[in-house]
Amino acid sequence: MSPQLTPIADAAQDLELSERILGPDGTRITNAQLDPYVADVDAEQLRALHRDMVVLRRIDAEGVALQRQGQLGLWAPCNGQEATQIGTARALAPQDYVFPSYRETGVIYARGAQPGDYVRMWRGEEGAGHDPAALRVAPLQIIIGAQTLHAVGYALGIQHDEADEVAVTYFGDGATSQGDVNEAMIFAASYRAPVVFVCQNNHWAISEPVAVQSQFPIAGRAPGFGIPSLRVDGNDVLACMAAMRWALEHARSGKGPAYIEAVTYRMGPHTTADDPTRYRDEAELESWRRRDPISRLEAHLRARGELSDVHVAETQAAADAVAKEMRAACLGMVTRPPLAVFDGVYAEPHTGLDRQRDEYAAYLASFDGEV
C-alpha cells in the first residue's frame, strides 16, 4: 500500500500519483487495491454521498457569509475538500472516535451535527461547537497537529479496554511539519495503537505551498515510522471511502496504525482572515475547478442514468434548508452570563473556584453605571 516515491514537479502530477476510482470526468476506473472496499456501494448510496457533499458545500458557504456579516469571529472553509471529508467520515463505525482539526465541518456533519453546532464555537459562545460525547468527535482543534497526540492517547485507551473502536485524526499538509504529528506517529507505531491518520493535502499551509515542505509524497513518510500508508485522489469520494475502510480494517484488526494522504485542494482562503489572492494564481484555481468532487460524482451518476434533474433540485433545496436552519440557530444564540464560565469546571464544589468566582463578580460589578 505504500505510495510511489517520485519527486513531485507540480500539482497536476501530484494528483496523478494518487490512487483513484473515479476520474476527473466521472469515468469509472478499475482499481485492484480499492475496488474491493466499495464493491457494496450502489447507486442509492452514491446519491447519498452526492447529497452529503452538496449540503456540506452549502453549509460552508453560509459559514463564510455569516462571518462576513459579522455574526462569526472566524470561519475555516472546506470548499473543494468535500469528497475527502464525506468519503472518509461515512466509512466510520458509530463507535469510532474522531479527533479533528478546525476545518472538518464535513466530518461533524456526517457524525450528526445539528445546525447550531457548526457556528457555536466560531461565534465564541462555547469552547466546543458540539457535544463531543454525542457525536464522538473531539472539539475542533486550533493548535496545529495537537489532535494527533490526543488521538493516539485515546487509541491506547482503546487497547487497554480491549474495545471495538478506532481513533481517527484529521490534519492538513502543513501539520506534517509539526513535531506533534511526527511524535504521534512514532508513539502509535511503537505501541501498535488502533489509530488512523488522515492527512488532507490541500496544497497550501496558509500561504506556503506543499512543495516547499514536501518534495515527495507526504504518505511516503509513514512507512518510515512503520505505518502502512495509502495515497488517494482526495476529490474522488469513492476512493476516499475505500481508503478509510482499508485503514479502519487494518487498525481494528490489531495490526496497528494506518495512514491516508488524500490529495485535494482548498478552493477558498485558509480562513476568512486570509487573502489567498496574494499568493495563489488564478490559473491554478481554474485547473482544480475542473477536478471538482461534486461535479465528478454527478458526471458518473448521469453517465449511469442514475441522477435526475429532479434529484439535483431536491438536493439543492435540502441544502438551502440546512443553511437556513444554521443561520437561524446562529442569530438566535443567547450569550451565557459571564459568571457561567465557572460552571462545570469541577464535578464537586471547590473553594478556590468559589473565590475566583467572587473576585470576577466584583470585577464585573466595578463597571456598573459606566456608559
Foldseek 3Di string as FASTA:
>chain_A
DFFDWDFDDDLVVVAVSADAQFDLLQDGDDDPQQCVLCVPQDLVNLLVLLLLLLLLQLLQVLVLVCVVVVLFVKAFHDAWLSLLLSLLLLLFDQQAAEEEARHNPSNLVSLPDALQLRGCVRNPQDVASDDCVSSNYDGHHHPALQSLQVQQVVLVVCVVVVHQYAYEYEHELVSVVPPNNVVSLLSQLVVLGRYEYEYEHQQCPQQDGSCVVDRTDPSNVNVVSVAAEHEHASLHNSSSNSRSNVQNVCSSVSNTGHYYYHYIHRLDGSMSVGDNVVRDDVVVSVVRVSSHSSSNSVSNCVVVVSDDPVSVVVSNVVSVVSSVSSVCSSVPDDRDPPLCVLPPPDPDDDVVSVVVSVVVVVVVVVCPPPD
